[in-house]
C-alpha atoms as a PDB file:
ATOM      1  CA  MET A   1     -32.038  -1.166   9.185  1.00  0.00           C
ATOM      2  CA  SER A   2     -33.632  -3.781  11.436  1.00  0.00           C
ATOM      3  CA  LYS A   3     -37.060  -2.389  10.510  1.00  0.00           C
ATOM      4  CA  ALA A   4     -36.258  -2.890   6.835  1.00  0.00           C
ATOM      5  CA  VAL A   5     -35.312  -6.515   7.516  1.00  0.00           C
ATOM      6  CA  TRP A   6     -38.632  -7.161   9.246  1.00  0.00           C
ATOM      7  CA  GLY A   7     -40.575  -5.255   6.586  1.00  0.00           C
ATOM      8  CA  VAL A   8     -41.979  -2.564   8.886  1.00  0.00           C
ATOM      9  CA  ALA A   9     -39.758   0.361   7.871  1.00  0.00           C
ATOM     10  CA  GLN A  10     -41.286   3.646   6.765  1.00  0.00           C
ATOM     11  CA  PRO A  11     -39.823   6.096   4.188  1.00  0.00           C
ATOM     12  CA  GLY A  12     -38.499   8.283   7.013  1.00  0.00           C
ATOM     13  CA  ASP A  13     -36.586   5.331   8.458  1.00  0.00           C
ATOM     14  CA  TYR A  14     -34.921   4.736   5.099  1.00  0.00           C
ATOM     15  CA  ARG A  15     -33.866   8.383   4.850  1.00  0.00           C
ATOM     16  CA  THR A  16     -32.302   8.231   8.306  1.00  0.00           C
ATOM     17  CA  ALA A  17     -30.459   5.049   7.419  1.00  0.00           C
ATOM     18  CA  ALA A  18     -29.242   6.553   4.139  1.00  0.00           C
ATOM     19  CA  THR A  19     -27.821   9.564   5.993  1.00  0.00           C
ATOM     20  CA  TRP A  20     -25.904   7.505   8.535  1.00  0.00           C
ATOM     21  CA  LEU A  21     -24.615   5.033   5.957  1.00  0.00           C
ATOM     22  CA  GLY A  22     -23.479   7.886   3.741  1.00  0.00           C
ATOM     23  CA  LEU A  23     -21.536   9.377   6.631  1.00  0.00           C
ATOM     24  CA  ILE A  24     -19.862   6.035   7.258  1.00  0.00           C
ATOM     25  CA  TYR A  25     -18.879   5.843   3.595  1.00  0.00           C
ATOM     26  CA  PHE A  26     -17.159   9.229   3.624  1.00  0.00           C
ATOM     27  CA  VAL A  27     -15.812   9.380   7.173  1.00  0.00           C
ATOM     28  CA  LEU A  28     -14.543   5.826   7.773  1.00  0.00           C
ATOM     29  CA  PRO A  29     -11.567   5.983   5.323  1.00  0.00           C
ATOM     30  CA  LEU A  30     -10.481   9.322   6.811  1.00  0.00           C
ATOM     31  CA  ALA A  31     -10.810   7.937  10.330  1.00  0.00           C
ATOM     32  CA  VAL A  32      -8.694   4.909   9.424  1.00  0.00           C
ATOM     33  CA  ARG A  33      -5.882   7.144   8.157  1.00  0.00           C
ATOM     34  CA  TRP A  34      -6.069   9.276  11.287  1.00  0.00           C
ATOM     35  CA  ALA A  35      -6.080   6.247  13.605  1.00  0.00           C
ATOM     36  CA  GLU A  36      -3.056   4.532  12.030  1.00  0.00           C
ATOM     37  CA  PRO A  37      -0.176   4.193  14.565  1.00  0.00           C
ATOM     38  CA  LYS A  38       2.198   7.141  14.390  1.00  0.00           C
ATOM     39  CA  ASP A  39       5.159   5.046  15.604  1.00  0.00           C
ATOM     40  CA  PHE A  40       4.939   2.946  12.470  1.00  0.00           C
ATOM     41  CA  ASP A  41       6.852  -0.308  12.440  1.00  0.00           C
ATOM     42  CA  LEU A  42       7.440  -2.285   9.267  1.00  0.00           C
ATOM     43  CA  GLN A  43       6.809  -5.441  11.254  1.00  0.00           C
ATOM     44  CA  ARG A  44       3.151  -4.342  11.437  1.00  0.00           C
ATOM     45  CA  LEU A  45       2.871  -3.673   7.698  1.00  0.00           C
ATOM     46  CA  ARG A  46       0.902  -6.857   7.020  1.00  0.00           C
ATOM     47  CA  ARG A  47      -1.868  -5.738   9.375  1.00  0.00           C
ATOM     48  CA  ARG A  48      -1.844  -2.231   7.856  1.00  0.00           C
ATOM     49  CA  ILE A  49      -2.548  -3.701   4.409  1.00  0.00           C
ATOM     50  CA  GLN A  50      -5.276  -5.916   5.819  1.00  0.00           C
ATOM     51  CA  ARG A  51      -6.945  -3.029   7.652  1.00  0.00           C
ATOM     52  CA  ALA A  52      -6.902  -0.886   4.529  1.00  0.00           C
ATOM     53  CA  ALA A  53      -8.692  -3.522   2.445  1.00  0.00           C
ATOM     54  CA  VAL A  54     -11.195  -4.496   5.143  1.00  0.00           C
ATOM     55  CA  TYR A  55     -12.224  -0.967   6.117  1.00  0.00           C
ATOM     56  CA  ARG A  56     -12.482   0.080   2.470  1.00  0.00           C
ATOM     57  CA  THR A  57     -14.841  -2.868   1.955  1.00  0.00           C
ATOM     58  CA  VAL A  58     -16.921  -1.793   4.958  1.00  0.00           C
ATOM     59  CA  ALA A  59     -17.076   1.768   3.625  1.00  0.00           C
ATOM     60  CA  ASN A  60     -18.107   0.569   0.153  1.00  0.00           C
ATOM     61  CA  VAL A  61     -20.823  -1.647   1.608  1.00  0.00           C
ATOM     62  CA  ALA A  62     -22.098   1.297   3.633  1.00  0.00           C
ATOM     63  CA  GLY A  63     -22.139   3.475   0.526  1.00  0.00           C
ATOM     64  CA  ILE A  64     -24.082   0.940  -1.526  1.00  0.00           C
ATOM     65  CA  CYS A  65     -26.526   0.373   1.326  1.00  0.00           C
ATOM     66  CA  ALA A  66     -26.949   4.161   1.550  1.00  0.00           C
ATOM     67  CA  VAL A  67     -27.963   4.220  -2.121  1.00  0.00           C
ATOM     68  CA  ALA A  68     -30.366   1.324  -1.537  1.00  0.00           C
ATOM     69  CA  ALA A  69     -31.872   3.084   1.491  1.00  0.00           C
ATOM     70  CA  PHE A  70     -32.266   6.327  -0.473  1.00  0.00           C
ATOM     71  CA  LEU A  71     -34.057   4.515  -3.300  1.00  0.00           C
ATOM     72  CA  SER A  72     -36.230   2.708  -0.775  1.00  0.00           C
ATOM     73  CA  ALA A  73     -37.260   6.016   0.807  1.00  0.00           C
ATOM     74  CA  ARG A  74     -38.351   7.316  -2.592  1.00  0.00           C
ATOM     75  CA  PHE A  75     -39.914   4.294  -4.283  1.00  0.00           C
ATOM     76  CA  VAL A  76     -40.651   1.539  -1.730  1.00  0.00           C
ATOM     77  CA  VAL A  77     -44.361   2.365  -1.641  1.00  0.00           C
ATOM     78  CA  ALA A  78     -45.049   3.248  -5.265  1.00  0.00           C
ATOM     79  CA  TYR A  79     -42.730   0.827  -7.103  1.00  0.00           C
ATOM     80  CA  PRO A  80     -41.942  -2.202  -4.949  1.00  0.00           C
ATOM     81  CA  ALA A  81     -41.214  -4.631  -7.796  1.00  0.00           C
ATOM     82  CA  PRO A  82     -38.593  -2.540  -9.642  1.00  0.00           C
ATOM     83  CA  LEU A  83     -37.059  -1.744  -6.278  1.00  0.00           C
ATOM     84  CA  ILE A  84     -36.349  -5.424  -5.660  1.00  0.00           C
ATOM     85  CA  SER A  85     -34.449  -5.766  -8.923  1.00  0.00           C
ATOM     86  CA  THR A  86     -32.549  -2.558  -8.144  1.00  0.00           C
ATOM     87  CA  VAL A  87     -31.488  -3.862  -4.740  1.00  0.00           C
ATOM     88  CA  LEU A  88     -30.313  -7.116  -6.314  1.00  0.00           C
ATOM     89  CA  THR A  89     -28.265  -5.119  -8.815  1.00  0.00           C
ATOM     90  CA  LEU A  90     -26.700  -3.169  -5.965  1.00  0.00           C
ATOM     91  CA  MET A  91     -25.825  -6.404  -4.194  1.00  0.00           C
ATOM     92  CA  VAL A  92     -24.013  -7.642  -7.292  1.00  0.00           C
ATOM     93  CA  ALA A  93     -22.197  -4.294  -7.465  1.00  0.00           C
ATOM     94  CA  MET A  94     -21.215  -4.745  -3.808  1.00  0.00           C
ATOM     95  CA  ALA A  95     -19.635  -8.122  -4.580  1.00  0.00           C
ATOM     96  CA  VAL A  96     -17.772  -6.735  -7.588  1.00  0.00           C
ATOM     97  CA  ILE A  97     -16.408  -3.730  -5.690  1.00  0.00           C
ATOM     98  CA  THR A  98     -15.301  -5.934  -2.785  1.00  0.00           C
ATOM     99  CA  HIS A  99     -13.458  -8.216  -5.190  1.00  0.00           C
ATOM    100  CA  LYS A 100     -11.742  -5.259  -6.887  1.00  0.00           C
ATOM    101  CA  THR A 101     -10.638  -3.819  -3.546  1.00  0.00           C
ATOM    102  CA  PHE A 102      -8.885  -6.995  -2.442  1.00  0.00           C
ATOM    103  CA  ALA A 103      -7.551  -7.605  -5.959  1.00  0.00           C
ATOM    104  CA  ARG A 104      -5.987  -4.131  -5.917  1.00  0.00           C
ATOM    105  CA  ALA A 105      -4.283  -4.894  -2.595  1.00  0.00           C
ATOM    106  CA  ARG A 106      -2.962  -8.224  -3.887  1.00  0.00           C
ATOM    107  CA  LYS A 107      -1.720  -6.690  -7.136  1.00  0.00           C
ATOM    108  CA  LEU A 108       0.083  -3.891  -5.287  1.00  0.00           C
ATOM    109  CA  CYS A 109       1.694  -6.401  -2.926  1.00  0.00           C
ATOM    110  CA  ALA A 110       2.846  -8.519  -5.871  1.00  0.00           C
ATOM    111  CA  GLN A 111       4.343  -5.528  -7.695  1.00  0.00           C
ATOM    112  CA  THR A 112       6.003  -4.266  -4.525  1.00  0.00           C
ATOM    113  CA  HIS A 113       7.474  -7.710  -3.858  1.00  0.00           C
ATOM    114  CA  ILE A 114       8.964  -7.779  -7.370  1.00  0.00           C
ATOM    115  CA  ASP A 115      10.424  -4.283  -7.093  1.00  0.00           C
ATOM    116  CA  VAL A 116      11.917  -4.959  -3.657  1.00  0.00           C
ATOM    117  CA  GLN A 117      13.627  -8.048  -5.033  1.00  0.00           C
ATOM    118  CA  ASN A 118      15.005  -6.047  -7.969  1.00  0.00           C
ATOM    119  CA  LEU A 119      16.408  -3.428  -5.603  1.00  0.00           C
ATOM    120  CA  LEU A 120      17.995  -6.091  -3.400  1.00  0.00           C
ATOM    121  CA  ARG A 121      19.653  -7.710  -6.420  1.00  0.00           C
ATOM    122  CA  ASP A 122      21.015  -4.369  -7.612  1.00  0.00           C
ATOM    123  CA  MET A 123      22.331  -3.682  -4.116  1.00  0.00           C
ATOM    124  CA  ASP A 124      23.943  -7.133  -4.130  1.00  0.00           C
ATOM    125  CA  ASP A 125      25.739  -6.330  -7.389  1.00  0.00           C
ATOM    126  CA  LEU A 126      26.919  -3.012  -6.010  1.00  0.00           C
ATOM    127  CA  ASP A 127      28.076  -4.535  -2.719  1.00  0.00           C
ATOM    128  CA  ASP A 128      29.953  -7.287  -4.578  1.00  0.00           C
ATOM    129  CA  ALA A 129      31.762  -4.643  -6.595  1.00  0.00           C
ATOM    130  CA  LYS A 130      32.607  -2.743  -3.406  1.00  0.00           C
ATOM    131  CA  GLY A 131      33.869  -5.943  -1.792  1.00  0.00           C
ATOM    132  CA  ARG A 132      36.087  -6.814  -4.761  1.00  0.00           C
ATOM    133  CA  ASP A 133      37.441  -3.285  -4.784  1.00  0.00           C
ATOM    134  CA  ARG A 134      38.262  -3.460  -1.083  1.00  0.00           C
ATOM    135  CA  ALA A 135      39.953  -6.850  -1.487  1.00  0.00           C
ATOM    136  CA  ALA A 136      42.057  -5.521  -4.352  1.00  0.00           C
ATOM    137  CA  ARG A 137      43.152  -2.556  -2.262  1.00  0.00           C
ATOM    138  CA  LYS A 138      44.217  -4.806   0.601  1.00  0.00           C
ATOM    139  CA  LEU A 139      46.099  -7.052  -1.788  1.00  0.00           C
ATOM    140  CA  ARG A 140      48.050  -4.098  -3.128  1.00  0.00           C
ATOM    141  CA  ASN A 141      48.375  -2.638   0.372  1.00  0.00           C
ATOM    142  CA  TRP A 142      46.932   0.604  -1.026  1.00  0.00           C
ATOM    143  CA  ARG A 143      44.994   3.108   1.069  1.00  0.00           C
ATOM    144  CA  PRO A 144      43.836   6.089  -1.021  1.00  0.00           C
ATOM    145  CA  ARG A 145      42.282   9.043   0.698  1.00  0.00           C
ATOM    146  CA  PRO A 146      38.468   8.902   0.603  1.00  0.00           C
ATOM    147  CA  ARG A 147      36.818  11.410  -1.700  1.00  0.00           C
ATOM    148  CA  THR A 148      33.761  13.097  -0.182  1.00  0.00           C
ATOM    149  CA  GLY A 149      30.527  12.095  -1.889  1.00  0.00           C
ATOM    150  CA  GLN A 150      32.280   9.775  -4.385  1.00  0.00           C
ATOM    151  CA  GLY A 151      31.432   6.487  -2.664  1.00  0.00           C
ATOM    152  CA  THR A 152      33.869   3.816  -3.909  1.00  0.00           C
ATOM    153  CA  GLY A 153      34.830   5.727  -7.023  1.00  0.00           C
ATOM    154  CA  ASP A 154      33.694   6.250 -10.577  1.00  0.00           C
ATOM    155  CA  GLN A 155      34.060   2.572 -11.435  1.00  0.00           C
ATOM    156  CA  HIS A 156      30.887   1.928  -9.456  1.00  0.00           C
ATOM    157  CA  ALA A 157      28.870   4.883 -10.750  1.00  0.00           C
ATOM    158  CA  ASP A 158      26.806   2.769 -13.138  1.00  0.00           C
ATOM    159  CA  LYS A 159      25.884   0.236 -10.460  1.00  0.00           C
ATOM    160  CA  ARG A 160      24.942   3.006  -8.060  1.00  0.00           C
ATOM    161  CA  MET A 161      22.737   4.577 -10.730  1.00  0.00           C
ATOM    162  CA  VAL A 162      20.995   1.252 -11.390  1.00  0.00           C
ATOM    163  CA  ALA A 163      20.312   0.796  -7.670  1.00  0.00           C
ATOM    164  CA  ARG A 164      18.962   4.336  -7.348  1.00  0.00           C
ATOM    165  CA  ARG A 165      16.631   3.768 -10.288  1.00  0.00           C
ATOM    166  CA  SER A 166      15.353   0.564  -8.698  1.00  0.00           C
ATOM    167  CA  TRP A 167      14.640   2.536  -5.536  1.00  0.00           C
ATOM    168  CA  ASP A 168      12.740   5.183  -7.539  1.00  0.00           C
ATOM    169  CA  VAL A 169      10.488   2.457  -8.956  1.00  0.00           C
ATOM    170  CA  LEU A 170       9.923   0.911  -5.522  1.00  0.00           C
ATOM    171  CA  LYS A 171       9.166   4.309  -3.985  1.00  0.00           C
ATOM    172  CA  LEU A 172       6.229   4.703  -6.378  1.00  0.00           C
ATOM    173  CA  ASP A 173       4.809   1.409  -5.077  1.00  0.00           C
ATOM    174  CA  LEU A 174       5.229   2.490  -1.464  1.00  0.00           C
ATOM    175  CA  CYS A 175       3.418   5.778  -2.129  1.00  0.00           C
ATOM    176  CA  THR A 176       0.487   4.053  -3.854  1.00  0.00           C
ATOM    177  CA  THR A 177      -2.742   3.689  -1.883  1.00  0.00           C
ATOM    178  CA  VAL A 178      -3.689   0.120  -1.030  1.00  0.00           C
ATOM    179  CA  ASP A 179      -7.466   0.377  -1.147  1.00  0.00           C
ATOM    180  CA  SER A 180      -8.387   3.188  -3.522  1.00  0.00           C
ATOM    181  CA  GLY A 181      -7.055   5.128  -6.474  1.00  0.00           C
ATOM    182  CA  TYR A 182      -7.915   8.380  -4.689  1.00  0.00           C
ATOM    183  CA  ARG A 183      -5.144   9.339  -2.285  1.00  0.00           C
ATOM    184  CA  LEU A 184      -7.397  11.578  -0.193  1.00  0.00           C
ATOM    185  CA  PHE A 185      -9.616   8.625   0.747  1.00  0.00           C
ATOM    186  CA  GLY A 186      -7.062   5.819   0.486  1.00  0.00           C
ATOM    187  CA  LEU A 187      -4.368   4.483   2.797  1.00  0.00           C
ATOM    188  CA  PRO A 188      -0.852   4.555   1.288  1.00  0.00           C
ATOM    189  CA  PHE A 189       1.186   1.369   1.371  1.00  0.00           C
ATOM    190  CA  LEU A 190       3.636   3.102   3.716  1.00  0.00           C
ATOM    191  CA  ALA A 191       3.350   6.321   5.664  1.00  0.00           C
ATOM    192  CA  ASP A 192       5.345   9.292   4.369  1.00  0.00           C
ATOM    193  CA  ASP A 193       7.690   9.252   7.378  1.00  0.00           C
ATOM    194  CA  ALA A 194       8.413   5.549   6.914  1.00  0.00           C
ATOM    195  CA  ILE A 195       9.163   6.070   3.215  1.00  0.00           C
ATOM    196  CA  ALA A 196      11.510   8.966   4.001  1.00  0.00           C
ATOM    197  CA  ASP A 197      13.343   6.905   6.624  1.00  0.00           C
ATOM    198  CA  LEU A 198      13.720   3.939   4.261  1.00  0.00           C
ATOM    199  CA  GLU A 199      14.888   6.221   1.436  1.00  0.00           C
ATOM    200  CA  ARG A 200      17.596   7.648   3.681  1.00  0.00           C
ATOM    201  CA  LYS A 201      18.838   4.164   4.583  1.00  0.00           C
ATOM    202  CA  VAL A 202      18.821   2.992   0.963  1.00  0.00           C
ATOM    203  CA  LEU A 203      20.646   6.022  -0.443  1.00  0.00           C
ATOM    204  CA  VAL A 204      23.206   6.071   2.370  1.00  0.00           C
ATOM    205  CA  GLY A 205      23.920   2.396   1.742  1.00  0.00           C
ATOM    206  CA  ILE A 206      24.261   2.956  -1.993  1.00  0.00           C
ATOM    207  CA  GLU A 207      26.630   5.900  -1.660  1.00  0.00           C
ATOM    208  CA  ALA A 208      28.765   4.480   1.164  1.00  0.00           C
ATOM    209  CA  ALA A 209      32.132   2.924   0.430  1.00  0.00           C
ATOM    210  CA  GLY A 210      31.668  -0.181   2.576  1.00  0.00           C
ATOM    211  CA  PRO A 211      29.783  -3.249   1.293  1.00  0.00           C
ATOM    212  CA  ASP A 212      28.011  -3.636   4.650  1.00  0.00           C
ATOM    213  CA  ALA A 213      26.469  -0.147   4.614  1.00  0.00           C
ATOM    214  CA  THR A 214      23.260  -1.458   3.040  1.00  0.00           C
ATOM    215  CA  ASP A 215      22.429  -3.771   5.964  1.00  0.00           C
ATOM    216  CA  PRO A 216      19.974  -1.360   7.711  1.00  0.00           C
ATOM    217  CA  ALA A 217      18.072  -0.888   4.455  1.00  0.00           C
ATOM    218  CA  ARG A 218      18.079  -4.629   3.782  1.00  0.00           C
ATOM    219  CA  ASP A 219      16.395  -5.340   7.117  1.00  0.00           C
ATOM    220  CA  ASP A 220      13.514  -3.006   6.228  1.00  0.00           C
ATOM    221  CA  LEU A 221      13.255  -4.343   2.679  1.00  0.00           C
ATOM    222  CA  HIS A 222      13.048  -7.922   3.917  1.00  0.00           C
ATOM    223  CA  ALA A 223      10.285  -6.860   6.323  1.00  0.00           C
ATOM    224  CA  ILE A 224       8.348  -5.512   3.319  1.00  0.00           C
ATOM    225  CA  LEU A 225       8.903  -8.778   1.453  1.00  0.00           C
ATOM    226  CA  LYS A 226       7.531 -10.722   4.414  1.00  0.00           C
ATOM    227  CA  ALA A 227       4.444  -8.515   4.619  1.00  0.00           C
ATOM    228  CA  CYS A 228       3.732  -8.916   0.901  1.00  0.00           C
ATOM    229  CA  ALA A 229       4.480 -12.636   0.638  1.00  0.00           C
ATOM    230  CA  ALA A 230       1.014 -13.804   1.720  1.00  0.00           C
ATOM    231  CA  ARG A 231      -0.765 -11.574  -0.822  1.00  0.00           C
ATOM    232  CA  ILE A 232       1.191 -12.173  -4.015  1.00  0.00           C
ATOM    233  CA  ASP A 233      -1.131 -12.490  -7.005  1.00  0.00           C
ATOM    234  CA  VAL A 234       0.403 -11.605 -10.363  1.00  0.00           C
ATOM    235  CA  LEU A 235      -2.911 -12.330 -12.110  1.00  0.00           C
ATOM    236  CA  ALA A 236      -5.025  -9.958  -9.997  1.00  0.00           C
END
């Protein structure tokens, strides 16, 4: 590429550059997914989102430059003037794609932030109902035998269902890729193992009889809120 900058590149140089840039475009997103830490920690989620957007931008720039290099190899000698306008068009496309990549990340963070808050509110309502139920039992000095799988009883079934539905909505956000609509080449908001672990904590907290059973899930949900807070953009 340095030869192209100084104006001494030959068609063969452009073809070589196009090949390498094309490889970067296809391989870099896969390499980023492979290189992500396996011991994933929600405290590092903010950097995961940032890496996804930045490396997708690098890959897109490489892909557009590969197209420009391919066109240069074919037409730089015979049609130099149209080539200049084509390269300028590709540069505009590069700016647009970069903007869309970061806008997608911001929009996903905003939607995830909203859905996490909805889940936390539904869990608050459920925990309040559990707490009132426990206080009423103590007041009446009543200790019924726990029923396996029934949580705090049928009186809380509706609130548990609402909380589970909020989790289902949030889970879709967490499975969505940050940088691309194609899951094969994109980086999901959370890794599959992290989603499964969070789902277990949320569902256990919802089904448990005690109002404090949701605390482990709340810690993880607040970590997600913190990671998304700096990228909220409801107009993206």
